[in-house]
Amino acid sequence: MDKRKFGVGNISLSEGEKFDGHRSHRSGLEVDIRPIRKDGNRLPCFINTQQYDHQATAALVRLSRISQKFNLSSSTTRTFQELSMPRSTAITSMSSLGFLVSAAAICGAAHAQQDSSPEFKPLRGRYMTYSLGLGDPALAKRSDSKIAFAVSGDAARKMFDAMGPDVNDICTAGSGVRVRTKENVSCQREKDGSYQCSFGFDLRTGKSIGGSVC
């Protein structure tokens, strides 16, 4: 690893109290950390941002393999007991090795897919072939054939997350629906938390076209 530092977020509260926004973070051994940035700045970083350094983050993930050789939970607790330190200190403190390995393990869980090969997954959605336009479609024909896709579920969520930021959309203004667009791809997050994306193609030319109208 080089001299760049990674950002550390939430660990745990004193006495292992419930941490808002987390189901875990009660033992002091679970850490929120940021991926490593190419510029080394201590700023937010996500896997779809330009400054995300995949190779450096993957190297940090590989450090999590150390956790297979150490029982950090028992060894760390025993160390604090031997030092007669209070339980609250044990929960909110870590040895440097324990901290590094635990942080790397959390990073590994968050980015495990980054070290695996991409693969096709099942898709939830619908499609329609048509001619003319989406506002007043007719049956597809040899001389005019287009296709529109409406994708939902996990694929739509991942598309929405990657396409930020939100844009103002006249079709959904004031409805609480969030919309993100890139060229002819449109995604939205409904008020109930569900996602849907639409896009299309002109099958005669292969060109990308919109997949939805207001």
N, C-alpha and C. Protein backbone atom coordinates (compact mmCIF):
# COMPACT_ATOMS: atom_id res chain seq x y z
N MET A 1 0.84 -1.19 0.00
CA MET A 1 0.00 0.00 0.00
C MET A 1 0.88 1.25 0.00
N ASP A 2 0.38 2.35 -0.57
CA ASP A 2 1.12 3.59 -0.57
C ASP A 2 0.76 4.41 0.66
N LYS A 3 1.08 5.70 0.65
CA LYS A 3 0.89 6.53 1.83
C LYS A 3 -0.49 7.19 1.88
N ARG A 4 -1.34 6.92 0.90
CA ARG A 4 -2.68 7.49 0.96
C ARG A 4 -3.48 6.92 2.12
N LYS A 5 -4.37 7.71 2.67
CA LYS A 5 -5.20 7.28 3.78
C LYS A 5 -6.64 7.09 3.30
N PHE A 6 -7.34 6.16 3.94
CA PHE A 6 -8.75 5.97 3.61
C PHE A 6 -9.61 6.56 4.73
N GLY A 7 -10.78 7.06 4.34
CA GLY A 7 -11.66 7.70 5.29
C GLY A 7 -12.39 6.68 6.16
N VAL A 8 -12.48 6.97 7.44
CA VAL A 8 -13.17 6.11 8.39
C VAL A 8 -14.41 6.82 8.90
N GLY A 9 -15.55 6.14 8.86
CA GLY A 9 -16.80 6.74 9.31
C GLY A 9 -17.24 6.18 10.65
N ASN A 10 -18.47 5.74 10.73
CA ASN A 10 -19.05 5.26 11.98
C ASN A 10 -18.41 3.97 12.47
N ILE A 11 -18.19 3.88 13.78
CA ILE A 11 -17.69 2.65 14.40
C ILE A 11 -18.77 2.14 15.35
N SER A 12 -18.83 2.67 16.56
CA SER A 12 -19.90 2.29 17.49
C SER A 12 -20.01 3.35 18.58
N LEU A 13 -21.10 3.28 19.33
CA LEU A 13 -21.33 4.20 20.43
C LEU A 13 -20.91 3.55 21.75
N SER A 14 -20.70 4.37 22.75
CA SER A 14 -20.33 3.88 24.06
C SER A 14 -21.36 2.89 24.59
N GLU A 15 -20.85 1.83 25.23
CA GLU A 15 -21.68 0.78 25.80
C GLU A 15 -22.45 -0.03 24.76
N GLY A 16 -22.09 0.11 23.50
CA GLY A 16 -22.73 -0.68 22.45
C GLY A 16 -24.17 -0.31 22.18
N GLU A 17 -24.51 0.96 22.40
CA GLU A 17 -25.88 1.40 22.17
C GLU A 17 -26.23 1.33 20.70
N LYS A 18 -27.54 1.28 20.42
CA LYS A 18 -28.00 1.22 19.03
C LYS A 18 -27.55 2.45 18.28
N PHE A 19 -27.02 2.23 17.08
CA PHE A 19 -26.49 3.30 16.24
C PHE A 19 -27.51 3.58 15.14
N ASP A 20 -28.10 4.77 15.14
CA ASP A 20 -29.11 5.11 14.14
C ASP A 20 -28.56 4.92 12.73
N GLY A 21 -29.35 4.28 11.87
CA GLY A 21 -28.93 4.04 10.50
C GLY A 21 -28.16 2.75 10.32
N HIS A 22 -27.93 2.02 11.42
CA HIS A 22 -27.18 0.77 11.33
C HIS A 22 -27.91 -0.33 12.10
N ARG A 23 -27.87 -1.55 11.56
CA ARG A 23 -28.36 -2.71 12.30
C ARG A 23 -27.23 -3.34 13.10
N SER A 24 -26.00 -3.03 12.72
CA SER A 24 -24.84 -3.56 13.42
C SER A 24 -24.15 -2.42 14.17
N HIS A 25 -22.83 -2.34 14.09
CA HIS A 25 -22.06 -1.28 14.74
C HIS A 25 -22.35 -1.23 16.25
N ARG A 26 -22.31 -2.40 16.89
CA ARG A 26 -22.57 -2.45 18.33
C ARG A 26 -21.34 -2.92 19.12
N SER A 27 -20.39 -3.58 18.43
CA SER A 27 -19.26 -4.20 19.14
C SER A 27 -17.97 -3.39 19.08
N GLY A 28 -17.92 -2.39 18.22
CA GLY A 28 -16.67 -1.64 18.05
C GLY A 28 -15.75 -2.24 17.02
N LEU A 29 -16.15 -3.38 16.40
CA LEU A 29 -15.31 -4.04 15.41
C LEU A 29 -15.87 -3.93 14.00
N GLU A 30 -16.91 -3.10 13.83
CA GLU A 30 -17.49 -2.89 12.51
C GLU A 30 -17.33 -1.42 12.16
N VAL A 31 -16.79 -1.18 10.97
CA VAL A 31 -16.36 0.16 10.60
C VAL A 31 -16.87 0.53 9.21
N ASP A 32 -17.35 1.75 9.05
CA ASP A 32 -17.66 2.28 7.73
C ASP A 32 -16.42 2.96 7.18
N ILE A 33 -15.94 2.53 6.02
CA ILE A 33 -14.79 3.20 5.42
C ILE A 33 -15.10 3.52 3.96
N ARG A 34 -14.36 4.46 3.44
CA ARG A 34 -14.54 4.88 2.06
C ARG A 34 -13.54 4.17 1.15
N PRO A 35 -13.92 3.95 -0.11
CA PRO A 35 -12.92 3.46 -1.08
C PRO A 35 -11.78 4.47 -1.20
N ILE A 36 -10.65 4.03 -1.68
CA ILE A 36 -9.49 4.90 -1.81
C ILE A 36 -9.59 5.74 -3.08
N ARG A 37 -9.27 7.01 -2.96
CA ARG A 37 -9.31 7.94 -4.08
C ARG A 37 -7.95 8.01 -4.78
N LYS A 38 -7.98 8.26 -6.08
CA LYS A 38 -6.74 8.41 -6.84
C LYS A 38 -5.95 9.63 -6.40
N ASP A 39 -6.66 10.72 -6.04
CA ASP A 39 -5.97 11.95 -5.67
C ASP A 39 -5.56 11.98 -4.19
N GLY A 40 -5.97 10.97 -3.43
CA GLY A 40 -5.58 10.91 -2.03
C GLY A 40 -6.30 11.87 -1.11
N ASN A 41 -7.24 12.65 -1.64
CA ASN A 41 -7.97 13.61 -0.81
C ASN A 41 -8.93 12.91 0.14
N ARG A 42 -9.15 13.51 1.29
CA ARG A 42 -10.07 12.95 2.27
C ARG A 42 -11.48 13.47 2.00
N LEU A 43 -12.05 12.96 0.91
CA LEU A 43 -13.37 13.38 0.46
C LEU A 43 -14.21 12.14 0.16
N PRO A 44 -15.53 12.30 0.08
CA PRO A 44 -16.38 11.15 -0.27
C PRO A 44 -15.95 10.51 -1.58
N CYS A 45 -16.10 9.20 -1.67
CA CYS A 45 -15.73 8.48 -2.88
C CYS A 45 -16.64 7.27 -3.03
N PHE A 46 -17.15 7.06 -4.23
CA PHE A 46 -18.01 5.93 -4.51
C PHE A 46 -17.42 5.18 -5.71
N ILE A 47 -17.87 3.93 -5.90
CA ILE A 47 -17.26 3.11 -6.94
C ILE A 47 -17.59 3.59 -8.35
N ASN A 48 -18.55 4.51 -8.48
CA ASN A 48 -18.89 5.01 -9.81
C ASN A 48 -18.40 6.44 -10.02
N THR A 49 -17.50 6.94 -9.15
CA THR A 49 -16.96 8.28 -9.33
C THR A 49 -15.60 8.22 -10.01
N GLN A 50 -15.21 9.31 -10.63
CA GLN A 50 -14.00 9.34 -11.44
C GLN A 50 -12.74 9.11 -10.60
N GLN A 51 -12.74 9.55 -9.36
CA GLN A 51 -11.55 9.44 -8.52
C GLN A 51 -11.42 8.09 -7.82
N TYR A 52 -12.37 7.18 -8.01
CA TYR A 52 -12.29 5.86 -7.37
C TYR A 52 -11.09 5.09 -7.92
N ASP A 53 -10.23 4.62 -7.02
CA ASP A 53 -9.04 3.84 -7.39
C ASP A 53 -9.31 2.37 -7.10
N HIS A 54 -9.67 1.63 -8.14
CA HIS A 54 -10.04 0.21 -7.96
C HIS A 54 -8.87 -0.61 -7.47
N GLN A 55 -7.68 -0.42 -8.05
CA GLN A 55 -6.52 -1.25 -7.70
C GLN A 55 -6.12 -1.05 -6.25
N ALA A 56 -6.09 0.19 -5.79
CA ALA A 56 -5.71 0.45 -4.40
C ALA A 56 -6.76 -0.08 -3.43
N THR A 57 -8.03 0.09 -3.78
CA THR A 57 -9.10 -0.41 -2.93
C THR A 57 -9.08 -1.93 -2.88
N ALA A 58 -8.81 -2.57 -4.03
CA ALA A 58 -8.72 -4.03 -4.06
C ALA A 58 -7.57 -4.53 -3.19
N ALA A 59 -6.46 -3.78 -3.17
CA ALA A 59 -5.33 -4.16 -2.32
C ALA A 59 -5.73 -4.09 -0.85
N LEU A 60 -6.51 -3.08 -0.50
CA LEU A 60 -6.99 -2.97 0.88
C LEU A 60 -7.92 -4.13 1.21
N VAL A 61 -8.74 -4.51 0.26
CA VAL A 61 -9.65 -5.64 0.47
C VAL A 61 -8.86 -6.92 0.74
N ARG A 62 -7.77 -7.09 0.00
CA ARG A 62 -6.98 -8.32 0.18
C ARG A 62 -6.40 -8.42 1.58
N LEU A 63 -6.21 -7.27 2.23
CA LEU A 63 -5.70 -7.30 3.60
C LEU A 63 -6.69 -7.97 4.55
N SER A 64 -7.94 -8.03 4.15
CA SER A 64 -8.95 -8.65 5.02
C SER A 64 -8.69 -10.13 5.21
N ARG A 65 -7.86 -10.72 4.35
CA ARG A 65 -7.54 -12.14 4.51
C ARG A 65 -6.82 -12.40 5.82
N ILE A 66 -6.19 -11.36 6.37
CA ILE A 66 -5.50 -11.52 7.65
C ILE A 66 -6.50 -11.94 8.73
N SER A 67 -7.75 -11.48 8.59
CA SER A 67 -8.76 -11.78 9.61
C SER A 67 -9.01 -13.27 9.73
N GLN A 68 -8.65 -14.05 8.72
CA GLN A 68 -8.83 -15.49 8.79
C GLN A 68 -7.83 -16.14 9.77
N LYS A 69 -6.76 -15.42 10.11
CA LYS A 69 -5.73 -15.97 10.98
C LYS A 69 -5.82 -15.45 12.41
N PHE A 70 -6.67 -14.43 12.64
CA PHE A 70 -6.77 -13.83 13.96
C PHE A 70 -8.22 -13.81 14.41
N ASN A 71 -8.48 -14.18 15.64
CA ASN A 71 -9.81 -14.03 16.24
C ASN A 71 -9.82 -12.68 16.93
N LEU A 72 -10.11 -11.64 16.16
CA LEU A 72 -9.98 -10.28 16.69
C LEU A 72 -10.94 -10.01 17.83
N SER A 73 -12.14 -10.57 17.74
CA SER A 73 -13.13 -10.29 18.76
C SER A 73 -12.66 -10.75 20.13
N SER A 74 -12.19 -12.01 20.22
CA SER A 74 -11.76 -12.55 21.51
C SER A 74 -10.44 -11.95 21.95
N SER A 75 -9.48 -11.79 21.02
CA SER A 75 -8.16 -11.30 21.40
C SER A 75 -8.24 -9.84 21.83
N THR A 76 -9.02 -9.04 21.15
CA THR A 76 -9.14 -7.63 21.51
C THR A 76 -9.81 -7.49 22.87
N THR A 77 -10.90 -8.25 23.11
CA THR A 77 -11.59 -8.18 24.39
C THR A 77 -10.68 -8.61 25.53
N ARG A 78 -9.90 -9.68 25.30
CA ARG A 78 -8.99 -10.17 26.33
C ARG A 78 -7.94 -9.12 26.66
N THR A 79 -7.43 -8.42 25.65
CA THR A 79 -6.43 -7.39 25.89
C THR A 79 -6.98 -6.28 26.76
N PHE A 80 -8.19 -5.85 26.50
CA PHE A 80 -8.79 -4.78 27.30
C PHE A 80 -9.03 -5.25 28.73
N GLN A 81 -9.41 -6.53 28.90
CA GLN A 81 -9.63 -7.05 30.24
C GLN A 81 -8.33 -7.08 31.02
N GLU A 82 -7.24 -7.50 30.36
CA GLU A 82 -5.95 -7.56 31.03
C GLU A 82 -5.48 -6.18 31.46
N LEU A 83 -5.85 -5.16 30.69
CA LEU A 83 -5.44 -3.79 31.01
C LEU A 83 -6.40 -3.13 31.97
N SER A 84 -7.47 -3.85 32.39
CA SER A 84 -8.48 -3.33 33.31
C SER A 84 -9.14 -2.07 32.76
N MET A 85 -9.37 -2.04 31.45
CA MET A 85 -10.02 -0.89 30.82
C MET A 85 -11.52 -1.09 30.87
N PRO A 86 -12.31 -0.01 31.02
CA PRO A 86 -13.77 -0.14 31.10
C PRO A 86 -14.35 -0.64 29.79
N ARG A 87 -15.54 -1.26 29.91
CA ARG A 87 -16.20 -1.84 28.74
C ARG A 87 -16.48 -0.79 27.67
N SER A 88 -16.82 0.43 28.08
CA SER A 88 -17.11 1.48 27.10
C SER A 88 -15.89 1.79 26.26
N THR A 89 -14.70 1.73 26.89
CA THR A 89 -13.47 1.97 26.14
C THR A 89 -13.20 0.83 25.18
N ALA A 90 -13.49 -0.39 25.62
CA ALA A 90 -13.26 -1.54 24.76
C ALA A 90 -14.14 -1.48 23.52
N ILE A 91 -15.34 -0.96 23.69
CA ILE A 91 -16.27 -0.91 22.57
C ILE A 91 -15.87 0.14 21.55
N THR A 92 -15.34 1.26 22.03
CA THR A 92 -15.06 2.37 21.12
C THR A 92 -13.58 2.47 20.75
N SER A 93 -12.75 1.50 21.16
CA SER A 93 -11.32 1.54 20.86
C SER A 93 -10.89 0.26 20.18
N MET A 94 -9.75 0.33 19.50
CA MET A 94 -9.21 -0.85 18.82
C MET A 94 -7.70 -0.77 18.79
N SER A 95 -7.05 -1.91 18.73
CA SER A 95 -5.62 -1.92 18.46
C SER A 95 -5.42 -1.55 17.01
N SER A 96 -4.23 -1.09 16.64
CA SER A 96 -4.00 -0.66 15.25
C SER A 96 -4.19 -1.82 14.29
N LEU A 97 -3.75 -3.04 14.67
CA LEU A 97 -3.92 -4.18 13.79
C LEU A 97 -5.39 -4.56 13.67
N GLY A 98 -6.09 -4.59 14.81
CA GLY A 98 -7.50 -4.93 14.79
C GLY A 98 -8.29 -3.94 13.96
N PHE A 99 -7.95 -2.68 14.10
CA PHE A 99 -8.65 -1.64 13.35
C PHE A 99 -8.45 -1.82 11.86
N LEU A 100 -7.21 -2.05 11.44
CA LEU A 100 -6.93 -2.19 10.02
C LEU A 100 -7.64 -3.39 9.42
N VAL A 101 -7.54 -4.54 10.10
CA VAL A 101 -8.14 -5.76 9.56
C VAL A 101 -9.66 -5.65 9.54
N SER A 102 -10.25 -5.10 10.61
CA SER A 102 -11.70 -4.97 10.64
C SER A 102 -12.18 -4.03 9.56
N ALA A 103 -11.48 -2.91 9.40
CA ALA A 103 -11.86 -1.96 8.37
C ALA A 103 -11.75 -2.58 6.99
N ALA A 104 -10.68 -3.33 6.76
CA ALA A 104 -10.51 -3.98 5.47
C ALA A 104 -11.58 -5.02 5.23
N ALA A 105 -11.99 -5.71 6.29
CA ALA A 105 -13.04 -6.72 6.14
C ALA A 105 -14.35 -6.09 5.74
N ILE A 106 -14.67 -4.94 6.34
CA ILE A 106 -15.90 -4.24 5.97
C ILE A 106 -15.80 -3.76 4.52
N CYS A 107 -14.64 -3.24 4.15
CA CYS A 107 -14.45 -2.80 2.77
C CYS A 107 -14.58 -3.97 1.82
N GLY A 108 -14.06 -5.13 2.22
CA GLY A 108 -14.16 -6.31 1.37
C GLY A 108 -15.60 -6.71 1.15
N ALA A 109 -16.43 -6.61 2.18
CA ALA A 109 -17.84 -6.96 2.02
C ALA A 109 -18.54 -6.00 1.09
N ALA A 110 -18.16 -4.72 1.17
CA ALA A 110 -18.82 -3.72 0.34
C ALA A 110 -18.38 -3.79 -1.11
N HIS A 111 -17.17 -4.30 -1.35
CA HIS A 111 -16.64 -4.27 -2.71
C HIS A 111 -16.24 -5.65 -3.21
N ALA A 112 -16.82 -6.70 -2.66
CA ALA A 112 -16.45 -8.05 -3.06
C ALA A 112 -16.65 -8.27 -4.54
N GLN A 113 -17.70 -7.67 -5.09
CA GLN A 113 -17.99 -7.88 -6.50
C GLN A 113 -16.96 -7.22 -7.40
N GLN A 114 -16.19 -6.27 -6.85
CA GLN A 114 -15.20 -5.60 -7.68
C GLN A 114 -14.07 -6.53 -8.08
N ASP A 115 -13.82 -7.59 -7.27
CA ASP A 115 -12.74 -8.52 -7.57
C ASP A 115 -13.22 -9.76 -8.30
N SER A 116 -14.50 -9.85 -8.60
CA SER A 116 -15.03 -10.99 -9.32
C SER A 116 -15.37 -10.59 -10.74
N SER A 117 -15.52 -11.57 -11.59
CA SER A 117 -15.82 -11.29 -12.99
C SER A 117 -17.29 -10.91 -13.17
N PRO A 118 -17.59 -9.94 -14.03
CA PRO A 118 -18.99 -9.60 -14.29
C PRO A 118 -19.72 -10.79 -14.88
N GLU A 119 -21.00 -10.87 -14.59
CA GLU A 119 -21.79 -11.96 -15.13
C GLU A 119 -23.21 -11.48 -15.41
N PHE A 120 -23.88 -12.12 -16.38
CA PHE A 120 -25.25 -11.80 -16.68
C PHE A 120 -26.16 -12.32 -15.57
N LYS A 121 -27.17 -11.54 -15.21
CA LYS A 121 -28.12 -11.92 -14.19
C LYS A 121 -29.54 -11.81 -14.73
N PRO A 122 -30.48 -12.50 -14.10
CA PRO A 122 -31.88 -12.39 -14.55
C PRO A 122 -32.36 -10.95 -14.49
N LEU A 123 -33.28 -10.64 -15.38
CA LEU A 123 -33.75 -9.27 -15.52
C LEU A 123 -35.27 -9.20 -15.37
N ARG A 124 -35.74 -8.24 -14.60
CA ARG A 124 -37.17 -8.00 -14.48
C ARG A 124 -37.55 -6.84 -15.39
N GLY A 125 -38.56 -7.05 -16.22
CA GLY A 125 -38.97 -5.96 -17.08
C GLY A 125 -39.96 -6.37 -18.15
N ARG A 126 -40.29 -5.41 -19.01
CA ARG A 126 -41.22 -5.62 -20.11
C ARG A 126 -40.65 -4.95 -21.35
N TYR A 127 -41.18 -5.31 -22.51
CA TYR A 127 -40.78 -4.64 -23.75
C TYR A 127 -41.97 -4.55 -24.68
N MET A 128 -41.86 -3.63 -25.64
CA MET A 128 -42.91 -3.47 -26.64
C MET A 128 -42.26 -3.13 -27.97
N THR A 129 -42.65 -3.83 -29.01
CA THR A 129 -42.24 -3.46 -30.37
C THR A 129 -43.38 -2.66 -31.00
N TYR A 130 -43.02 -1.66 -31.79
CA TYR A 130 -44.04 -0.76 -32.32
C TYR A 130 -43.49 0.00 -33.53
N SER A 131 -44.35 0.74 -34.16
CA SER A 131 -43.96 1.66 -35.23
C SER A 131 -44.52 3.04 -34.89
N LEU A 132 -44.19 4.02 -35.70
CA LEU A 132 -44.57 5.42 -35.44
C LEU A 132 -43.92 5.90 -34.15
N GLY A 133 -44.68 6.46 -33.20
CA GLY A 133 -44.08 6.98 -31.97
C GLY A 133 -44.74 6.41 -30.74
N LEU A 134 -44.08 6.55 -29.57
CA LEU A 134 -44.61 6.01 -28.33
C LEU A 134 -45.90 6.70 -27.91
N GLY A 135 -46.07 7.95 -28.29
CA GLY A 135 -47.28 8.67 -27.92
C GLY A 135 -48.52 8.12 -28.61
N ASP A 136 -48.35 7.55 -29.79
CA ASP A 136 -49.47 6.97 -30.54
C ASP A 136 -48.93 5.80 -31.35
N PRO A 137 -48.55 4.70 -30.68
CA PRO A 137 -47.86 3.60 -31.36
C PRO A 137 -48.79 2.76 -32.23
N ALA A 138 -48.21 2.16 -33.25
CA ALA A 138 -48.92 1.21 -34.10
C ALA A 138 -48.10 -0.08 -34.14
N LEU A 139 -48.66 -1.11 -34.71
CA LEU A 139 -47.94 -2.38 -34.81
C LEU A 139 -46.65 -2.20 -35.60
N ALA A 140 -45.60 -2.89 -35.15
CA ALA A 140 -44.32 -2.82 -35.86
C ALA A 140 -44.47 -3.41 -37.25
N LYS A 141 -43.72 -2.89 -38.19
CA LYS A 141 -43.73 -3.40 -39.55
C LYS A 141 -42.32 -3.39 -40.11
N ARG A 142 -42.14 -4.03 -41.24
CA ARG A 142 -40.81 -4.20 -41.79
C ARG A 142 -40.12 -2.85 -42.03
N SER A 143 -40.85 -1.88 -42.47
CA SER A 143 -40.25 -0.59 -42.81
C SER A 143 -40.11 0.34 -41.61
N ASP A 144 -40.72 0.00 -40.49
CA ASP A 144 -40.68 0.86 -39.30
C ASP A 144 -40.84 -0.02 -38.06
N SER A 145 -39.76 -0.34 -37.42
CA SER A 145 -39.81 -1.23 -36.26
C SER A 145 -38.92 -0.69 -35.15
N LYS A 146 -39.53 -0.44 -34.02
CA LYS A 146 -38.81 0.08 -32.85
C LYS A 146 -39.13 -0.81 -31.66
N ILE A 147 -38.30 -0.71 -30.63
CA ILE A 147 -38.54 -1.49 -29.41
C ILE A 147 -38.28 -0.61 -28.20
N ALA A 148 -39.16 -0.71 -27.21
CA ALA A 148 -39.02 0.04 -25.95
C ALA A 148 -38.92 -0.96 -24.81
N PHE A 149 -38.02 -0.69 -23.86
CA PHE A 149 -37.82 -1.54 -22.69
C PHE A 149 -38.20 -0.78 -21.42
N ALA A 150 -38.83 -1.48 -20.49
CA ALA A 150 -39.10 -0.95 -19.15
C ALA A 150 -38.52 -1.94 -18.15
N VAL A 151 -37.41 -1.56 -17.51
CA VAL A 151 -36.68 -2.43 -16.60
C VAL A 151 -37.00 -2.03 -15.16
N SER A 152 -37.19 -3.01 -14.28
CA SER A 152 -37.48 -2.72 -12.88
C SER A 152 -36.59 -3.58 -11.98
N GLY A 153 -36.78 -3.46 -10.67
CA GLY A 153 -36.03 -4.29 -9.74
C GLY A 153 -34.59 -3.84 -9.53
N ASP A 154 -33.72 -4.79 -9.23
CA ASP A 154 -32.33 -4.49 -8.86
C ASP A 154 -31.56 -3.83 -9.99
N ALA A 155 -31.81 -4.27 -11.22
CA ALA A 155 -31.11 -3.66 -12.36
C ALA A 155 -31.45 -2.19 -12.48
N ALA A 156 -32.74 -1.85 -12.30
CA ALA A 156 -33.16 -0.45 -12.38
C ALA A 156 -32.55 0.36 -11.25
N ARG A 157 -32.46 -0.23 -10.07
CA ARG A 157 -31.86 0.48 -8.94
C ARG A 157 -30.39 0.80 -9.21
N LYS A 158 -29.65 -0.17 -9.74
CA LYS A 158 -28.25 0.06 -10.03
C LYS A 158 -28.07 1.10 -11.13
N MET A 159 -28.94 1.08 -12.12
CA MET A 159 -28.88 2.09 -13.17
C MET A 159 -29.15 3.48 -12.59
N PHE A 160 -30.17 3.58 -11.76
CA PHE A 160 -30.52 4.86 -11.14
C PHE A 160 -29.36 5.39 -10.31
N ASP A 161 -28.76 4.54 -9.49
CA ASP A 161 -27.66 4.96 -8.62
C ASP A 161 -26.47 5.46 -9.43
N ALA A 162 -26.23 4.85 -10.58
CA ALA A 162 -25.06 5.21 -11.39
C ALA A 162 -25.29 6.46 -12.24
N MET A 163 -26.54 6.88 -12.37
CA MET A 163 -26.87 7.95 -13.32
C MET A 163 -27.05 9.32 -12.69
N GLY A 164 -26.81 9.46 -11.40
CA GLY A 164 -27.08 10.74 -10.73
C GLY A 164 -26.41 11.92 -11.41
N PRO A 165 -26.82 13.14 -11.07
CA PRO A 165 -27.78 13.50 -10.03
C PRO A 165 -29.23 13.53 -10.55
N ASP A 166 -30.17 13.83 -9.64
CA ASP A 166 -31.57 13.97 -10.04
C ASP A 166 -31.74 15.17 -10.97
N VAL A 167 -32.76 15.10 -11.80
CA VAL A 167 -33.08 16.21 -12.70
C VAL A 167 -34.53 16.62 -12.48
N ASN A 168 -34.84 17.86 -12.82
CA ASN A 168 -36.22 18.33 -12.76
C ASN A 168 -36.97 17.78 -13.96
N ASP A 169 -38.10 17.14 -13.70
CA ASP A 169 -38.87 16.52 -14.76
C ASP A 169 -40.30 17.03 -14.71
N ILE A 170 -40.77 17.62 -15.80
CA ILE A 170 -42.09 18.21 -15.82
C ILE A 170 -43.19 17.17 -15.63
N CYS A 171 -42.90 15.92 -16.01
CA CYS A 171 -43.92 14.86 -15.91
C CYS A 171 -44.17 14.45 -14.46
N THR A 172 -43.17 14.60 -13.59
CA THR A 172 -43.29 14.11 -12.22
C THR A 172 -43.17 15.22 -11.18
N ALA A 173 -43.14 16.47 -11.60
CA ALA A 173 -42.95 17.60 -10.69
C ALA A 173 -43.99 17.57 -9.57
N GLY A 174 -43.49 17.69 -8.32
CA GLY A 174 -44.38 17.74 -7.17
C GLY A 174 -44.94 16.41 -6.72
N SER A 175 -44.55 15.32 -7.35
CA SER A 175 -45.11 14.01 -7.03
C SER A 175 -44.25 13.23 -6.04
N GLY A 176 -43.03 13.70 -5.77
CA GLY A 176 -42.13 12.98 -4.90
C GLY A 176 -41.31 11.91 -5.61
N VAL A 177 -41.53 11.77 -6.92
CA VAL A 177 -40.77 10.81 -7.71
C VAL A 177 -39.44 11.45 -8.13
N ARG A 178 -38.36 10.74 -7.95
CA ARG A 178 -37.04 11.23 -8.34
C ARG A 178 -36.70 10.70 -9.73
N VAL A 179 -36.15 11.57 -10.58
CA VAL A 179 -35.86 11.20 -11.96
C VAL A 179 -34.40 11.49 -12.29
N ARG A 180 -33.78 10.56 -13.03
CA ARG A 180 -32.43 10.76 -13.52
C ARG A 180 -32.40 10.31 -14.98
N THR A 181 -31.73 11.08 -15.82
CA THR A 181 -31.67 10.76 -17.24
C THR A 181 -30.25 10.92 -17.77
N LYS A 182 -29.93 10.13 -18.77
CA LYS A 182 -28.69 10.23 -19.53
C LYS A 182 -29.03 9.91 -20.98
N GLU A 183 -28.93 10.93 -21.82
CA GLU A 183 -29.28 10.77 -23.23
C GLU A 183 -30.70 10.20 -23.35
N ASN A 184 -30.84 8.99 -23.91
CA ASN A 184 -32.17 8.40 -24.12
C ASN A 184 -32.55 7.37 -23.05
N VAL A 185 -31.81 7.35 -21.95
CA VAL A 185 -32.13 6.44 -20.85
C VAL A 185 -32.72 7.26 -19.71
N SER A 186 -33.86 6.82 -19.20
CA SER A 186 -34.53 7.53 -18.12
C SER A 186 -34.84 6.56 -16.98
N CYS A 187 -34.49 6.95 -15.76
CA CYS A 187 -34.76 6.12 -14.59
C CYS A 187 -35.47 6.95 -13.53
N GLN A 188 -36.31 6.30 -12.75
CA GLN A 188 -36.99 7.01 -11.69
C GLN A 188 -37.15 6.13 -10.45
N ARG A 189 -37.15 6.80 -9.30
CA ARG A 189 -37.39 6.14 -8.02
C ARG A 189 -38.75 6.62 -7.53
N GLU A 190 -39.66 5.66 -7.38
CA GLU A 190 -41.02 6.00 -6.96
C GLU A 190 -41.06 6.34 -5.47
N LYS A 191 -42.15 6.91 -5.01
CA LYS A 191 -42.29 7.27 -3.60
C LYS A 191 -42.24 6.04 -2.70
N ASP A 192 -42.63 4.87 -3.22
CA ASP A 192 -42.62 3.65 -2.42
C ASP A 192 -41.25 2.97 -2.40
N GLY A 193 -40.25 3.59 -3.05
CA GLY A 193 -38.89 3.04 -3.05
C GLY A 193 -38.59 2.10 -4.19
N SER A 194 -39.54 1.87 -5.09
CA SER A 194 -39.29 1.01 -6.24
C SER A 194 -38.64 1.81 -7.36
N TYR A 195 -38.01 1.09 -8.29
CA TYR A 195 -37.26 1.73 -9.38
C TYR A 195 -37.75 1.22 -10.73
N GLN A 196 -37.66 2.10 -11.73
CA GLN A 196 -37.96 1.69 -13.11
C GLN A 196 -37.13 2.53 -14.07
N CYS A 197 -36.60 1.89 -15.08
CA CYS A 197 -35.82 2.57 -16.12
C CYS A 197 -36.40 2.23 -17.48
N SER A 198 -36.32 3.18 -18.41
CA SER A 198 -36.82 2.95 -19.76
C SER A 198 -35.82 3.44 -20.79
N PHE A 199 -35.78 2.74 -21.91
CA PHE A 199 -34.92 3.10 -23.03
C PHE A 199 -35.41 2.32 -24.24
N GLY A 200 -34.91 2.65 -25.40
CA GLY A 200 -35.37 1.97 -26.59
C GLY A 200 -34.39 2.05 -27.74
N PHE A 201 -34.74 1.35 -28.84
CA PHE A 201 -33.89 1.33 -30.02
C PHE A 201 -34.76 1.34 -31.27
N ASP A 202 -34.25 2.01 -32.29
CA ASP A 202 -34.83 1.91 -33.62
C ASP A 202 -34.19 0.69 -34.28
N LEU A 203 -34.98 -0.33 -34.49
CA LEU A 203 -34.42 -1.60 -34.98
C LEU A 203 -34.02 -1.55 -36.45
N ARG A 204 -34.43 -0.55 -37.16
CA ARG A 204 -34.01 -0.39 -38.55
C ARG A 204 -32.62 0.23 -38.65
N THR A 205 -32.29 1.11 -37.70
CA THR A 205 -31.01 1.81 -37.75
C THR A 205 -30.06 1.42 -36.63
N GLY A 206 -30.60 0.83 -35.57
CA GLY A 206 -29.79 0.48 -34.41
C GLY A 206 -29.55 1.64 -33.46
N LYS A 207 -30.11 2.79 -33.77
CA LYS A 207 -29.89 3.98 -32.93
C LYS A 207 -30.70 3.90 -31.64
N SER A 208 -30.14 4.49 -30.59
CA SER A 208 -30.83 4.55 -29.31
C SER A 208 -31.93 5.60 -29.36
N ILE A 209 -33.08 5.28 -28.80
CA ILE A 209 -34.19 6.22 -28.72
C ILE A 209 -34.81 6.11 -27.34
N GLY A 210 -35.67 7.06 -27.00
CA GLY A 210 -36.33 7.03 -25.71
C GLY A 210 -37.26 5.82 -25.58
N GLY A 211 -37.54 5.44 -24.33
CA GLY A 211 -38.40 4.30 -24.10
C GLY A 211 -39.67 4.62 -23.37
N SER A 212 -39.96 5.91 -23.15
CA SER A 212 -41.17 6.29 -22.42
C SER A 212 -41.56 7.71 -22.79
N VAL A 213 -42.80 8.05 -22.51
CA VAL A 213 -43.32 9.40 -22.68
C VAL A 213 -44.07 9.76 -21.41
N CYS A 214 -44.40 11.03 -21.23
CA CYS A 214 -45.18 11.44 -20.06
C CYS A 214 -46.52 10.73 -20.02
